Amino acid sequence: MPDLTVESRRVGDVTVISPKGFINAHTVRQFEQVLARALEDGDQKILINGSGLAYIASAGLGVIMGVIEEVRSRGGDIRVAELNETVGNIFEVLGFNHLCRVLSSEREGLESYQPISGG
């Protein structure tokens, strides 16, 4: 089994990227390529579903940081959902929970992109 697989799919106007395994110095390139492809396709709303992510090293966080800046400069955003305790702690310790929204479920992440209809 490879150290990392990364799937990408569209849910409405949101691109959901689902890394499974370990993002480290050896696998970060693969993760970076999927995010770069989303940017090339003009995707503005990106949700990283971390449910299958066992670990993320600083290299992976660096990729997310770079992509966040690019996406936000275009008026979009990156959000993260379903982090396990280990990855969630890494995000918290390094302050990434202040850099991007971390949501508890993919559904919550998808809904966070929908405009709130007033009533």
N, C-alpha and C. Protein backbone atom coordinates (compact mmCIF):
# COMPACT_ATOMS: atom_id res chain seq x y z
N MET A 1 0.85 -1.19 0.00
CA MET A 1 0.00 0.00 0.00
C MET A 1 0.89 1.25 0.00
N PRO A 2 0.57 2.22 -0.88
CA PRO A 2 1.39 3.43 -0.91
C PRO A 2 1.22 4.25 0.37
N ASP A 3 2.22 5.09 0.65
CA ASP A 3 2.17 5.95 1.83
C ASP A 3 1.06 6.99 1.74
N LEU A 4 0.71 7.36 0.49
CA LEU A 4 -0.31 8.40 0.32
C LEU A 4 -1.06 8.18 -0.99
N THR A 5 -2.38 8.32 -0.92
CA THR A 5 -3.21 8.44 -2.11
C THR A 5 -4.02 9.71 -1.93
N VAL A 6 -4.29 10.39 -3.02
CA VAL A 6 -5.05 11.64 -2.95
C VAL A 6 -6.13 11.60 -4.01
N GLU A 7 -7.38 11.69 -3.56
CA GLU A 7 -8.51 11.72 -4.48
C GLU A 7 -9.08 13.13 -4.51
N SER A 8 -9.61 13.48 -5.66
CA SER A 8 -10.23 14.80 -5.82
C SER A 8 -11.57 14.60 -6.51
N ARG A 9 -12.61 15.25 -6.01
CA ARG A 9 -13.92 15.16 -6.64
C ARG A 9 -14.66 16.46 -6.43
N ARG A 10 -15.66 16.68 -7.27
CA ARG A 10 -16.47 17.90 -7.17
C ARG A 10 -17.78 17.56 -6.48
N VAL A 11 -18.18 18.44 -5.57
CA VAL A 11 -19.50 18.36 -4.96
C VAL A 11 -20.10 19.74 -5.16
N GLY A 12 -20.97 19.87 -6.15
CA GLY A 12 -21.48 21.19 -6.52
C GLY A 12 -20.32 22.04 -7.03
N ASP A 13 -20.12 23.20 -6.41
CA ASP A 13 -19.02 24.08 -6.84
C ASP A 13 -17.82 23.99 -5.91
N VAL A 14 -17.79 22.95 -5.07
CA VAL A 14 -16.68 22.76 -4.14
C VAL A 14 -15.82 21.57 -4.61
N THR A 15 -14.51 21.76 -4.58
CA THR A 15 -13.59 20.67 -4.88
C THR A 15 -13.19 20.03 -3.56
N VAL A 16 -13.48 18.75 -3.41
CA VAL A 16 -13.13 18.02 -2.19
C VAL A 16 -11.88 17.20 -2.47
N ILE A 17 -10.83 17.45 -1.70
CA ILE A 17 -9.57 16.73 -1.85
C ILE A 17 -9.41 15.84 -0.62
N SER A 18 -9.25 14.55 -0.86
CA SER A 18 -9.19 13.57 0.23
C SER A 18 -7.86 12.83 0.23
N PRO A 19 -6.89 13.32 1.01
CA PRO A 19 -5.63 12.58 1.14
C PRO A 19 -5.81 11.42 2.11
N LYS A 20 -5.23 10.26 1.77
CA LYS A 20 -5.29 9.10 2.67
C LYS A 20 -3.88 8.61 2.91
N GLY A 21 -3.49 8.54 4.19
CA GLY A 21 -2.15 8.08 4.54
C GLY A 21 -1.33 9.17 5.19
N PHE A 22 -0.09 9.28 4.78
CA PHE A 22 0.87 10.18 5.42
C PHE A 22 1.35 11.23 4.43
N ILE A 23 1.24 12.50 4.81
CA ILE A 23 1.85 13.57 4.00
C ILE A 23 3.14 13.94 4.71
N ASN A 24 4.26 13.60 4.06
CA ASN A 24 5.57 13.90 4.63
C ASN A 24 6.50 14.33 3.50
N ALA A 25 7.78 14.45 3.79
CA ALA A 25 8.73 14.92 2.78
C ALA A 25 8.74 14.03 1.53
N HIS A 26 8.43 12.75 1.69
CA HIS A 26 8.46 11.82 0.57
C HIS A 26 7.19 11.86 -0.28
N THR A 27 6.06 12.24 0.32
CA THR A 27 4.77 12.17 -0.38
C THR A 27 4.17 13.54 -0.67
N VAL A 28 4.78 14.60 -0.16
CA VAL A 28 4.17 15.93 -0.26
C VAL A 28 3.97 16.37 -1.71
N ARG A 29 4.85 15.92 -2.60
CA ARG A 29 4.76 16.30 -4.01
C ARG A 29 3.42 15.88 -4.61
N GLN A 30 3.00 14.68 -4.27
CA GLN A 30 1.74 14.14 -4.77
C GLN A 30 0.56 15.00 -4.30
N PHE A 31 0.57 15.37 -3.02
CA PHE A 31 -0.47 16.22 -2.44
C PHE A 31 -0.45 17.59 -3.13
N GLU A 32 0.74 18.12 -3.32
CA GLU A 32 0.91 19.43 -3.94
C GLU A 32 0.37 19.44 -5.38
N GLN A 33 0.60 18.35 -6.11
CA GLN A 33 0.14 18.28 -7.50
C GLN A 33 -1.37 18.31 -7.60
N VAL A 34 -2.06 17.64 -6.69
CA VAL A 34 -3.53 17.64 -6.72
C VAL A 34 -4.06 19.04 -6.42
N LEU A 35 -3.46 19.72 -5.43
CA LEU A 35 -3.88 21.09 -5.11
C LEU A 35 -3.55 22.03 -6.27
N ALA A 36 -2.40 21.86 -6.88
CA ALA A 36 -2.01 22.71 -8.02
C ALA A 36 -2.99 22.53 -9.17
N ARG A 37 -3.42 21.30 -9.41
CA ARG A 37 -4.39 21.03 -10.48
C ARG A 37 -5.71 21.74 -10.18
N ALA A 38 -6.13 21.74 -8.93
CA ALA A 38 -7.36 22.44 -8.56
C ALA A 38 -7.23 23.94 -8.86
N LEU A 39 -6.06 24.51 -8.53
CA LEU A 39 -5.82 25.92 -8.83
C LEU A 39 -5.84 26.18 -10.33
N GLU A 40 -5.18 25.31 -11.09
CA GLU A 40 -5.15 25.45 -12.55
C GLU A 40 -6.55 25.40 -13.15
N ASP A 41 -7.41 24.58 -12.55
CA ASP A 41 -8.79 24.46 -13.03
C ASP A 41 -9.65 25.64 -12.61
N GLY A 42 -9.06 26.56 -11.82
CA GLY A 42 -9.78 27.75 -11.39
C GLY A 42 -10.69 27.52 -10.20
N ASP A 43 -10.49 26.42 -9.49
CA ASP A 43 -11.34 26.13 -8.33
C ASP A 43 -11.12 27.19 -7.25
N GLN A 44 -12.22 27.69 -6.71
CA GLN A 44 -12.17 28.74 -5.69
C GLN A 44 -12.52 28.20 -4.31
N LYS A 45 -13.31 27.15 -4.29
CA LYS A 45 -13.76 26.57 -3.02
C LYS A 45 -13.17 25.18 -2.89
N ILE A 46 -12.22 25.05 -1.98
CA ILE A 46 -11.53 23.78 -1.80
C ILE A 46 -11.74 23.31 -0.37
N LEU A 47 -12.13 22.05 -0.24
CA LEU A 47 -12.32 21.44 1.07
C LEU A 47 -11.39 20.23 1.14
N ILE A 48 -10.50 20.23 2.11
CA ILE A 48 -9.62 19.08 2.32
C ILE A 48 -10.29 18.19 3.36
N ASN A 49 -10.67 16.98 2.94
CA ASN A 49 -11.29 16.03 3.86
C ASN A 49 -10.16 15.18 4.44
N GLY A 50 -9.88 15.39 5.73
CA GLY A 50 -8.77 14.71 6.38
C GLY A 50 -9.13 13.41 7.06
N SER A 51 -10.30 12.84 6.74
CA SER A 51 -10.74 11.63 7.44
C SER A 51 -9.78 10.46 7.26
N GLY A 52 -9.08 10.41 6.12
CA GLY A 52 -8.15 9.31 5.87
C GLY A 52 -6.69 9.69 6.11
N LEU A 53 -6.49 10.90 6.62
CA LEU A 53 -5.13 11.40 6.81
C LEU A 53 -4.59 10.95 8.16
N ALA A 54 -3.52 10.16 8.13
CA ALA A 54 -2.94 9.65 9.37
C ALA A 54 -1.97 10.65 9.99
N TYR A 55 -1.28 11.43 9.12
CA TYR A 55 -0.24 12.34 9.62
C TYR A 55 0.05 13.39 8.55
N ILE A 56 0.36 14.60 8.99
CA ILE A 56 0.81 15.63 8.06
C ILE A 56 2.04 16.31 8.64
N ALA A 57 3.11 16.34 7.87
CA ALA A 57 4.35 16.98 8.30
C ALA A 57 4.34 18.45 7.88
N SER A 58 5.32 19.18 8.33
CA SER A 58 5.39 20.62 8.03
C SER A 58 5.42 20.89 6.53
N ALA A 59 5.98 19.98 5.75
CA ALA A 59 6.00 20.16 4.30
C ALA A 59 4.58 20.25 3.74
N GLY A 60 3.70 19.39 4.24
CA GLY A 60 2.31 19.40 3.80
C GLY A 60 1.59 20.67 4.22
N LEU A 61 1.88 21.13 5.42
CA LEU A 61 1.27 22.37 5.90
C LEU A 61 1.76 23.55 5.08
N GLY A 62 3.02 23.50 4.68
CA GLY A 62 3.57 24.56 3.83
C GLY A 62 2.86 24.65 2.49
N VAL A 63 2.53 23.48 1.93
CA VAL A 63 1.78 23.43 0.67
C VAL A 63 0.41 24.08 0.86
N ILE A 64 -0.28 23.73 1.95
CA ILE A 64 -1.60 24.31 2.21
C ILE A 64 -1.48 25.82 2.35
N MET A 65 -0.46 26.29 3.07
CA MET A 65 -0.27 27.74 3.24
C MET A 65 -0.12 28.45 1.91
N GLY A 66 0.71 27.89 1.05
CA GLY A 66 0.92 28.51 -0.26
C GLY A 66 -0.35 28.56 -1.09
N VAL A 67 -1.12 27.48 -1.05
CA VAL A 67 -2.34 27.41 -1.83
C VAL A 67 -3.41 28.33 -1.26
N ILE A 68 -3.47 28.43 0.07
CA ILE A 68 -4.45 29.33 0.70
C ILE A 68 -4.25 30.75 0.19
N GLU A 69 -3.00 31.21 0.17
CA GLU A 69 -2.72 32.57 -0.29
C GLU A 69 -3.19 32.76 -1.72
N GLU A 70 -2.89 31.79 -2.57
CA GLU A 70 -3.27 31.88 -3.99
C GLU A 70 -4.79 31.89 -4.14
N VAL A 71 -5.48 30.96 -3.48
CA VAL A 71 -6.94 30.86 -3.59
C VAL A 71 -7.61 32.12 -3.04
N ARG A 72 -7.13 32.62 -1.90
CA ARG A 72 -7.74 33.81 -1.32
C ARG A 72 -7.51 35.05 -2.17
N SER A 73 -6.39 35.10 -2.87
CA SER A 73 -6.13 36.24 -3.76
C SER A 73 -7.14 36.26 -4.91
N ARG A 74 -7.76 35.11 -5.18
CA ARG A 74 -8.78 34.99 -6.23
C ARG A 74 -10.19 35.07 -5.65
N GLY A 75 -10.31 35.33 -4.36
CA GLY A 75 -11.63 35.45 -3.74
C GLY A 75 -12.20 34.13 -3.24
N GLY A 76 -11.39 33.08 -3.20
CA GLY A 76 -11.85 31.78 -2.73
C GLY A 76 -11.33 31.47 -1.34
N ASP A 77 -11.38 30.19 -0.96
CA ASP A 77 -10.89 29.78 0.35
C ASP A 77 -10.62 28.28 0.36
N ILE A 78 -9.84 27.88 1.35
CA ILE A 78 -9.60 26.45 1.61
C ILE A 78 -10.09 26.18 3.03
N ARG A 79 -10.82 25.11 3.17
CA ARG A 79 -11.28 24.68 4.50
C ARG A 79 -10.90 23.23 4.69
N VAL A 80 -10.86 22.81 5.93
CA VAL A 80 -10.42 21.47 6.27
C VAL A 80 -11.49 20.82 7.14
N ALA A 81 -11.73 19.54 6.93
CA ALA A 81 -12.76 18.83 7.70
C ALA A 81 -12.28 17.44 8.09
N GLU A 82 -12.88 16.93 9.15
CA GLU A 82 -12.71 15.54 9.60
C GLU A 82 -11.28 15.16 9.93
N LEU A 83 -10.59 16.02 10.65
CA LEU A 83 -9.23 15.69 11.07
C LEU A 83 -9.28 14.74 12.27
N ASN A 84 -8.40 13.73 12.27
CA ASN A 84 -8.32 12.88 13.45
C ASN A 84 -7.59 13.65 14.56
N GLU A 85 -7.52 13.07 15.73
CA GLU A 85 -6.94 13.77 16.87
C GLU A 85 -5.48 14.16 16.64
N THR A 86 -4.70 13.26 16.07
CA THR A 86 -3.28 13.53 15.82
C THR A 86 -3.10 14.72 14.89
N VAL A 87 -3.77 14.67 13.74
CA VAL A 87 -3.64 15.74 12.75
C VAL A 87 -4.26 17.03 13.29
N GLY A 88 -5.38 16.91 13.99
CA GLY A 88 -6.02 18.08 14.60
C GLY A 88 -5.08 18.78 15.58
N ASN A 89 -4.37 17.98 16.37
CA ASN A 89 -3.40 18.55 17.32
C ASN A 89 -2.27 19.27 16.60
N ILE A 90 -1.79 18.69 15.50
CA ILE A 90 -0.73 19.34 14.72
C ILE A 90 -1.22 20.69 14.21
N PHE A 91 -2.45 20.72 13.69
CA PHE A 91 -3.03 21.98 13.19
C PHE A 91 -3.11 23.01 14.32
N GLU A 92 -3.55 22.55 15.49
CA GLU A 92 -3.73 23.46 16.62
C GLU A 92 -2.40 24.00 17.13
N VAL A 93 -1.44 23.11 17.36
CA VAL A 93 -0.14 23.50 17.90
C VAL A 93 0.54 24.52 16.98
N LEU A 94 0.41 24.32 15.68
CA LEU A 94 1.06 25.21 14.72
C LEU A 94 0.19 26.40 14.32
N GLY A 95 -0.99 26.51 14.92
CA GLY A 95 -1.86 27.66 14.66
C GLY A 95 -2.62 27.62 13.36
N PHE A 96 -2.67 26.46 12.71
CA PHE A 96 -3.38 26.37 11.43
C PHE A 96 -4.88 26.49 11.61
N ASN A 97 -5.37 26.21 12.80
CA ASN A 97 -6.80 26.37 13.04
C ASN A 97 -7.20 27.85 13.00
N HIS A 98 -6.21 28.76 13.08
CA HIS A 98 -6.49 30.19 12.93
C HIS A 98 -6.33 30.62 11.47
N LEU A 99 -5.57 29.87 10.71
CA LEU A 99 -5.30 30.19 9.31
C LEU A 99 -6.46 29.76 8.41
N CYS A 100 -7.03 28.59 8.70
CA CYS A 100 -8.16 28.13 7.90
C CYS A 100 -9.21 27.49 8.80
N ARG A 101 -10.45 27.51 8.32
CA ARG A 101 -11.54 26.93 9.11
C ARG A 101 -11.40 25.42 9.15
N VAL A 102 -11.52 24.88 10.35
CA VAL A 102 -11.48 23.43 10.54
C VAL A 102 -12.88 23.01 11.00
N LEU A 103 -13.51 22.15 10.21
CA LEU A 103 -14.88 21.74 10.50
C LEU A 103 -14.92 20.27 10.85
N SER A 104 -15.95 19.87 11.58
CA SER A 104 -15.98 18.50 12.09
C SER A 104 -16.38 17.47 11.05
N SER A 105 -17.15 17.87 10.02
CA SER A 105 -17.57 16.90 9.01
C SER A 105 -17.48 17.49 7.61
N GLU A 106 -17.42 16.61 6.62
CA GLU A 106 -17.38 17.07 5.23
C GLU A 106 -18.66 17.84 4.92
N ARG A 107 -19.77 17.35 5.40
CA ARG A 107 -21.05 18.03 5.14
C ARG A 107 -21.01 19.45 5.68
N GLU A 108 -20.50 19.61 6.90
CA GLU A 108 -20.38 20.93 7.50
C GLU A 108 -19.46 21.82 6.65
N GLY A 109 -18.39 21.23 6.15
CA GLY A 109 -17.46 21.96 5.30
C GLY A 109 -18.11 22.42 4.02
N LEU A 110 -18.89 21.54 3.39
CA LEU A 110 -19.59 21.89 2.16
C LEU A 110 -20.63 22.99 2.44
N GLU A 111 -21.37 22.83 3.53
CA GLU A 111 -22.39 23.82 3.86
C GLU A 111 -21.79 25.17 4.21
N SER A 112 -20.56 25.18 4.73
CA SER A 112 -19.93 26.45 5.11
C SER A 112 -19.66 27.33 3.89
N TYR A 113 -19.66 26.75 2.70
CA TYR A 113 -19.45 27.52 1.48
C TYR A 113 -20.75 28.06 0.89
N GLN A 114 -21.89 27.56 1.37
CA GLN A 114 -23.16 27.99 0.79
C GLN A 114 -23.58 29.33 1.39
N PRO A 115 -24.10 30.22 0.55
CA PRO A 115 -24.56 31.50 1.09
C PRO A 115 -25.72 31.27 2.05
N ILE A 116 -25.74 32.04 3.09
CA ILE A 116 -26.81 31.92 4.09
C ILE A 116 -28.02 32.67 3.55
N SER A 117 -29.12 31.93 3.40
CA SER A 117 -30.33 32.57 2.90
C SER A 117 -31.09 33.20 4.05
N GLY A 118 -31.33 34.46 3.93
CA GLY A 118 -32.02 35.20 5.01
C GLY A 118 -33.49 34.85 5.02
N GLY A 119 -34.10 35.05 6.20
CA GLY A 119 -35.52 34.71 6.25
C GLY A 119 -36.26 35.54 7.23
